[in-house]
Amino acid sequence: MTSGIKNRTRQAIIDAAIDLLADNPACSLGDIASAAQVGRTTLHRYFAERADLLSAVAVEGGQRLVRAARLAELERGTGGEALLRLCREYFDLGPLLSLIFSEQGGECWEAQDETSLHTVIERGRRDGSIDPVLPADWVLSLLWSQLYAAWSYLGERPGSSRHHVLDLLTRTLTNALRPEPKPDPVRGKASATP
């Protein structure tokens, strides 16, 4: 068996595990093998124990989080724009989001570079695209809670389009992060500009 075939088989098993575990954390290895279109013996050749497969899923999840952050180009534009790009990339992680939000996905978090996310948030607070009153950990909690809400909404409403739900998600985050308008001293009303 060539290493290319081995890698594809291993990846197919991991991908199937992510898809199935996202919906049912208690799914069997037999179910995962069937979804990966391999026999259970083949699955055990790659992952002797369930824990081995879960560790590989956590590593894959972490790599996908890192890749999403890289694709979001966090160093470009305002902090708010960068955070919204990251949100879009995270949303595209699909079933991995459900897995991350479950107890099974805890190890994926270890790959998340919170320092760079705090840097983006601080940049947004300085450039006026993120309300400076909001602490960085609050902004991150808001990001993850809204991602969870969006992914759950999409799963519970099969007729919803991903594009529409992503639009709802980014609109909600944009409004939640936006600084309050400053009062206009001349008119005595809030000004739309930060």
C-alpha atoms as a PDB file:
ATOM      1  CA  MET A   1       0.000   0.000   0.000  1.00  0.00           C
ATOM      2  CA  THR A   2       1.526   3.340  -0.994  1.00  0.00           C
ATOM      3  CA  SER A   3       1.826   6.162   1.485  1.00  0.00           C
ATOM      4  CA  GLY A   4      -0.604   8.282  -0.613  1.00  0.00           C
ATOM      5  CA  ILE A   5      -3.333   5.652  -0.274  1.00  0.00           C
ATOM      6  CA  LYS A   6      -2.572   5.251   3.435  1.00  0.00           C
ATOM      7  CA  ASN A   7      -2.829   8.987   3.972  1.00  0.00           C
ATOM      8  CA  ARG A   8      -6.123   9.197   2.035  1.00  0.00           C
ATOM      9  CA  THR A   9      -7.583   6.273   3.995  1.00  0.00           C
ATOM     10  CA  ARG A  10      -6.468   7.750   7.307  1.00  0.00           C
ATOM     11  CA  GLN A  11      -7.915  11.148   6.337  1.00  0.00           C
ATOM     12  CA  ALA A  12     -11.198   9.555   5.211  1.00  0.00           C
ATOM     13  CA  ILE A  13     -11.534   7.909   8.623  1.00  0.00           C
ATOM     14  CA  ILE A  14     -10.815  11.181  10.447  1.00  0.00           C
ATOM     15  CA  ASP A  15     -13.240  13.124   8.234  1.00  0.00           C
ATOM     16  CA  ALA A  16     -15.958  10.522   8.798  1.00  0.00           C
ATOM     17  CA  ALA A  17     -15.304  10.625  12.536  1.00  0.00           C
ATOM     18  CA  ILE A  18     -15.681  14.424  12.597  1.00  0.00           C
ATOM     19  CA  ASP A  19     -18.960  14.261  10.670  1.00  0.00           C
ATOM     20  CA  LEU A  20     -20.476  11.490  12.787  1.00  0.00           C
ATOM     21  CA  LEU A  21     -19.155  12.580  16.186  1.00  0.00           C
ATOM     22  CA  ALA A  22     -20.517  16.081  15.569  1.00  0.00           C
ATOM     23  CA  ASP A  23     -24.046  14.643  15.423  1.00  0.00           C
ATOM     24  CA  ASN A  24     -23.593  11.759  17.841  1.00  0.00           C
ATOM     25  CA  PRO A  25     -20.598  11.767  20.221  1.00  0.00           C
ATOM     26  CA  ALA A  26     -21.414   8.151  21.158  1.00  0.00           C
ATOM     27  CA  CYS A  27     -21.368   6.786  17.594  1.00  0.00           C
ATOM     28  CA  SER A  28     -19.599   3.465  17.182  1.00  0.00           C
ATOM     29  CA  LEU A  29     -16.293   2.804  15.449  1.00  0.00           C
ATOM     30  CA  GLY A  30     -18.255   0.521  13.125  1.00  0.00           C
ATOM     31  CA  ASP A  31     -20.420   3.482  12.075  1.00  0.00           C
ATOM     32  CA  ILE A  32     -17.304   5.565  11.449  1.00  0.00           C
ATOM     33  CA  ALA A  33     -15.714   2.765   9.415  1.00  0.00           C
ATOM     34  CA  SER A  34     -18.873   2.465   7.298  1.00  0.00           C
ATOM     35  CA  ALA A  35     -19.006   6.218   6.701  1.00  0.00           C
ATOM     36  CA  ALA A  36     -15.330   6.181   5.688  1.00  0.00           C
ATOM     37  CA  GLN A  37     -16.071   3.240   3.383  1.00  0.00           C
ATOM     38  CA  VAL A  38     -13.516   1.004   5.063  1.00  0.00           C
ATOM     39  CA  GLY A  39     -13.824  -2.166   7.094  1.00  0.00           C
ATOM     40  CA  ARG A  40     -13.594  -2.089  10.850  1.00  0.00           C
ATOM     41  CA  THR A  41     -10.325  -4.039  10.644  1.00  0.00           C
ATOM     42  CA  THR A  42      -8.875  -1.313   8.429  1.00  0.00           C
ATOM     43  CA  LEU A  43      -9.990   1.350  10.882  1.00  0.00           C
ATOM     44  CA  HIS A  44      -8.241  -0.538  13.714  1.00  0.00           C
ATOM     45  CA  ARG A  45      -5.085  -0.769  11.616  1.00  0.00           C
ATOM     46  CA  TYR A  46      -4.929   3.027  11.674  1.00  0.00           C
ATOM     47  CA  PHE A  47      -6.434   3.613  15.114  1.00  0.00           C
ATOM     48  CA  ALA A  48      -6.097   0.715  17.529  1.00  0.00           C
ATOM     49  CA  GLU A  49      -8.348   2.308  20.157  1.00  0.00           C
ATOM     50  CA  ARG A  50     -11.169   4.828  20.112  1.00  0.00           C
ATOM     51  CA  ALA A  51      -8.922   7.175  22.127  1.00  0.00           C
ATOM     52  CA  ASP A  52      -6.348   7.083  19.302  1.00  0.00           C
ATOM     53  CA  LEU A  53      -8.981   8.163  16.788  1.00  0.00           C
ATOM     54  CA  LEU A  54     -10.264  10.913  19.103  1.00  0.00           C
ATOM     55  CA  SER A  55      -6.707  12.212  19.508  1.00  0.00           C
ATOM     56  CA  ALA A  56      -6.284  12.302  15.716  1.00  0.00           C
ATOM     57  CA  VAL A  57      -9.610  14.140  15.407  1.00  0.00           C
ATOM     58  CA  ALA A  58      -8.445  16.707  17.989  1.00  0.00           C
ATOM     59  CA  VAL A  59      -5.189  17.258  16.078  1.00  0.00           C
ATOM     60  CA  GLU A  60      -7.110  17.647  12.811  1.00  0.00           C
ATOM     61  CA  GLY A  61      -9.536  20.052  14.467  1.00  0.00           C
ATOM     62  CA  GLY A  62      -6.671  22.134  15.800  1.00  0.00           C
ATOM     63  CA  GLN A  63      -5.040  22.236  12.374  1.00  0.00           C
ATOM     64  CA  ARG A  64      -8.301  23.389  10.809  1.00  0.00           C
ATOM     65  CA  LEU A  65      -8.634  26.181  13.397  1.00  0.00           C
ATOM     66  CA  VAL A  66      -5.084  27.328  12.636  1.00  0.00           C
ATOM     67  CA  ARG A  67      -5.727  27.169   8.873  1.00  0.00           C
ATOM     68  CA  ALA A  68      -8.949  29.187   9.296  1.00  0.00           C
ATOM     69  CA  ALA A  69      -7.060  31.889  11.192  1.00  0.00           C
ATOM     70  CA  ARG A  70      -4.392  31.991   8.479  1.00  0.00           C
ATOM     71  CA  LEU A  71      -7.018  32.264   5.711  1.00  0.00           C
ATOM     72  CA  ALA A  72      -8.719  35.107   7.602  1.00  0.00           C
ATOM     73  CA  GLU A  73      -5.549  37.215   7.211  1.00  0.00           C
ATOM     74  CA  LEU A  74      -5.905  38.616  10.699  1.00  0.00           C
ATOM     75  CA  GLU A  75      -3.206  41.233  10.168  1.00  0.00           C
ATOM     76  CA  ARG A  76      -5.154  42.951   7.338  1.00  0.00           C
ATOM     77  CA  GLY A  77      -7.723  45.762   7.754  1.00  0.00           C
ATOM     78  CA  THR A  78      -9.406  46.921  10.918  1.00  0.00           C
ATOM     79  CA  GLY A  79      -9.661  44.639  13.928  1.00  0.00           C
ATOM     80  CA  GLY A  80     -13.431  44.353  13.412  1.00  0.00           C
ATOM     81  CA  GLU A  81     -13.016  43.374   9.749  1.00  0.00           C
ATOM     82  CA  ALA A  82     -10.386  40.775  10.673  1.00  0.00           C
ATOM     83  CA  LEU A  83     -12.639  39.302  13.357  1.00  0.00           C
ATOM     84  CA  LEU A  84     -15.544  39.032  10.893  1.00  0.00           C
ATOM     85  CA  ARG A  85     -13.289  37.310   8.333  1.00  0.00           C
ATOM     86  CA  LEU A  86     -12.238  34.868  11.052  1.00  0.00           C
ATOM     87  CA  CYS A  87     -15.893  34.293  11.910  1.00  0.00           C
ATOM     88  CA  ARG A  88     -16.626  33.422   8.257  1.00  0.00           C
ATOM     89  CA  GLU A  89     -13.679  31.016   8.120  1.00  0.00           C
ATOM     90  CA  TYR A  90     -14.719  29.371  11.381  1.00  0.00           C
ATOM     91  CA  PHE A  91     -18.303  29.047  10.143  1.00  0.00           C
ATOM     92  CA  ASP A  92     -16.974  27.162   7.104  1.00  0.00           C
ATOM     93  CA  LEU A  93     -15.486  24.530   9.427  1.00  0.00           C
ATOM     94  CA  GLY A  94     -18.938  22.956   9.307  1.00  0.00           C
ATOM     95  CA  PRO A  95     -19.478  19.873  11.454  1.00  0.00           C
ATOM     96  CA  LEU A  96     -16.180  20.488  13.224  1.00  0.00           C
ATOM     97  CA  LEU A  97     -17.917  23.417  14.967  1.00  0.00           C
ATOM     98  CA  SER A  98     -20.464  21.062  16.528  1.00  0.00           C
ATOM     99  CA  LEU A  99     -17.652  18.806  17.630  1.00  0.00           C
ATOM    100  CA  ILE A 100     -15.676  21.721  19.094  1.00  0.00           C
ATOM    101  CA  PHE A 101     -18.734  22.784  21.087  1.00  0.00           C
ATOM    102  CA  SER A 102     -19.141  19.273  22.493  1.00  0.00           C
ATOM    103  CA  GLU A 103     -17.046  17.674  25.225  1.00  0.00           C
ATOM    104  CA  GLN A 104     -15.254  15.649  22.527  1.00  0.00           C
ATOM    105  CA  GLY A 105     -13.711  18.739  20.921  1.00  0.00           C
ATOM    106  CA  GLY A 106     -11.960  20.240  23.928  1.00  0.00           C
ATOM    107  CA  GLU A 107      -8.483  19.308  22.749  1.00  0.00           C
ATOM    108  CA  CYS A 108      -8.952  21.281  19.514  1.00  0.00           C
ATOM    109  CA  TRP A 109      -8.804  24.484  21.573  1.00  0.00           C
ATOM    110  CA  GLU A 110      -5.141  23.921  22.391  1.00  0.00           C
ATOM    111  CA  ALA A 111      -4.209  24.930  18.829  1.00  0.00           C
ATOM    112  CA  GLN A 112      -6.116  28.206  19.016  1.00  0.00           C
ATOM    113  CA  ASP A 113      -3.748  31.160  19.320  1.00  0.00           C
ATOM    114  CA  GLU A 114      -5.645  33.370  21.733  1.00  0.00           C
ATOM    115  CA  THR A 115      -2.768  35.859  21.848  1.00  0.00           C
ATOM    116  CA  SER A 116      -3.213  36.736  18.175  1.00  0.00           C
ATOM    117  CA  LEU A 117      -6.992  36.992  18.658  1.00  0.00           C
ATOM    118  CA  HIS A 118      -6.495  39.361  21.605  1.00  0.00           C
ATOM    119  CA  THR A 119      -4.145  41.406  19.396  1.00  0.00           C
ATOM    120  CA  VAL A 120      -6.843  41.666  16.713  1.00  0.00           C
ATOM    121  CA  ILE A 121      -9.423  42.727  19.289  1.00  0.00           C
ATOM    122  CA  GLU A 122      -7.087  45.333  20.770  1.00  0.00           C
ATOM    123  CA  ARG A 123      -6.412  46.666  17.269  1.00  0.00           C
ATOM    124  CA  GLY A 124     -10.172  46.914  16.708  1.00  0.00           C
ATOM    125  CA  ARG A 125     -10.621  48.758  19.972  1.00  0.00           C
ATOM    126  CA  ARG A 126      -7.907  51.248  18.947  1.00  0.00           C
ATOM    127  CA  ASP A 127      -9.142  51.739  15.363  1.00  0.00           C
ATOM    128  CA  GLY A 128     -12.766  52.224  16.453  1.00  0.00           C
ATOM    129  CA  SER A 129     -14.208  49.087  14.851  1.00  0.00           C
ATOM    130  CA  ILE A 130     -14.751  47.289  18.198  1.00  0.00           C
ATOM    131  CA  ASP A 131     -16.310  48.929  21.234  1.00  0.00           C
ATOM    132  CA  PRO A 132     -13.423  49.693  23.628  1.00  0.00           C
ATOM    133  CA  VAL A 133     -15.691  48.952  26.608  1.00  0.00           C
ATOM    134  CA  LEU A 134     -15.884  45.262  25.622  1.00  0.00           C
ATOM    135  CA  PRO A 135     -13.122  43.137  27.220  1.00  0.00           C
ATOM    136  CA  ALA A 136     -11.245  40.825  24.821  1.00  0.00           C
ATOM    137  CA  ASP A 137     -12.446  37.658  26.562  1.00  0.00           C
ATOM    138  CA  TRP A 138     -16.051  38.919  26.259  1.00  0.00           C
ATOM    139  CA  VAL A 139     -15.566  39.481  22.514  1.00  0.00           C
ATOM    140  CA  LEU A 140     -14.182  35.958  22.103  1.00  0.00           C
ATOM    141  CA  SER A 141     -17.087  34.502  24.110  1.00  0.00           C
ATOM    142  CA  LEU A 142     -19.480  36.473  21.910  1.00  0.00           C
ATOM    143  CA  LEU A 143     -17.786  35.171  18.748  1.00  0.00           C
ATOM    144  CA  TRP A 144     -18.017  31.540  19.854  1.00  0.00           C
ATOM    145  CA  SER A 145     -21.558  31.804  21.230  1.00  0.00           C
ATOM    146  CA  GLN A 146     -22.796  33.350  17.982  1.00  0.00           C
ATOM    147  CA  LEU A 147     -20.985  30.695  15.931  1.00  0.00           C
ATOM    148  CA  TYR A 148     -22.724  28.068  18.045  1.00  0.00           C
ATOM    149  CA  ALA A 149     -26.080  29.793  17.579  1.00  0.00           C
ATOM    150  CA  ALA A 150     -25.585  30.057  13.809  1.00  0.00           C
ATOM    151  CA  TRP A 151     -24.510  26.451  13.369  1.00  0.00           C
ATOM    152  CA  SER A 152     -27.378  25.230  15.575  1.00  0.00           C
ATOM    153  CA  TYR A 153     -29.858  27.397  13.659  1.00  0.00           C
ATOM    154  CA  LEU A 154     -28.641  25.955  10.370  1.00  0.00           C
ATOM    155  CA  GLY A 155     -28.903  22.391  11.699  1.00  0.00           C
ATOM    156  CA  GLU A 156     -32.385  22.867  13.112  1.00  0.00           C
ATOM    157  CA  ARG A 157     -33.774  24.465   9.942  1.00  0.00           C
ATOM    158  CA  PRO A 158     -32.863  22.216   7.010  1.00  0.00           C
ATOM    159  CA  GLY A 159     -34.325  24.685   4.488  1.00  0.00           C
ATOM    160  CA  SER A 160     -32.022  27.518   5.614  1.00  0.00           C
ATOM    161  CA  SER A 161     -29.179  28.418   3.306  1.00  0.00           C
ATOM    162  CA  ARG A 162     -25.652  28.625   4.679  1.00  0.00           C
ATOM    163  CA  HIS A 163     -25.273  32.000   2.977  1.00  0.00           C
ATOM    164  CA  HIS A 164     -28.340  33.426   4.766  1.00  0.00           C
ATOM    165  CA  VAL A 165     -27.274  32.090   8.166  1.00  0.00           C
ATOM    166  CA  LEU A 166     -23.735  33.412   7.670  1.00  0.00           C
ATOM    167  CA  ASP A 167     -25.231  36.805   6.814  1.00  0.00           C
ATOM    168  CA  LEU A 168     -27.296  36.720  10.033  1.00  0.00           C
ATOM    169  CA  LEU A 169     -24.200  35.766  11.997  1.00  0.00           C
ATOM    170  CA  THR A 170     -21.954  38.522  10.641  1.00  0.00           C
ATOM    171  CA  ARG A 171     -24.731  41.126  10.950  1.00  0.00           C
ATOM    172  CA  THR A 172     -25.294  40.168  14.590  1.00  0.00           C
ATOM    173  CA  LEU A 173     -21.586  40.302  15.407  1.00  0.00           C
ATOM    174  CA  THR A 174     -21.082  43.592  13.571  1.00  0.00           C
ATOM    175  CA  ASN A 175     -23.887  45.207  15.563  1.00  0.00           C
ATOM    176  CA  ALA A 176     -22.748  43.678  18.847  1.00  0.00           C
ATOM    177  CA  LEU A 177     -19.137  44.841  18.445  1.00  0.00           C
ATOM    178  CA  ARG A 178     -19.854  48.324  17.084  1.00  0.00           C
ATOM    179  CA  PRO A 179     -19.042  51.159  19.486  1.00  0.00           C
ATOM    180  CA  GLU A 180     -21.959  53.254  20.703  1.00  0.00           C
ATOM    181  CA  PRO A 181     -22.363  56.428  18.681  1.00  0.00           C
ATOM    182  CA  LYS A 182     -20.816  59.505  20.264  1.00  0.00           C
ATOM    183  CA  PRO A 183     -23.184  62.347  21.096  1.00  0.00           C
ATOM    184  CA  ASP A 184     -23.188  65.187  18.592  1.00  0.00           C
ATOM    185  CA  PRO A 185     -22.562  68.321  20.710  1.00  0.00           C
ATOM    186  CA  VAL A 186     -24.292  70.572  18.158  1.00  0.00           C
ATOM    187  CA  ARG A 187     -27.507  68.588  17.707  1.00  0.00           C
ATOM    188  CA  GLY A 188     -27.559  66.831  21.058  1.00  0.00           C
ATOM    189  CA  LYS A 189     -28.143  63.497  19.305  1.00  0.00           C
ATOM    190  CA  ALA A 190     -25.930  60.505  18.733  1.00  0.00           C
ATOM    191  CA  SER A 191     -23.667  60.736  15.733  1.00  0.00           C
ATOM    192  CA  ALA A 192     -23.342  57.715  13.453  1.00  0.00           C
ATOM    193  CA  THR A 193     -19.572  58.073  13.203  1.00  0.00           C
ATOM    194  CA  PRO A 194     -17.354  56.533  15.888  1.00  0.00           C
END
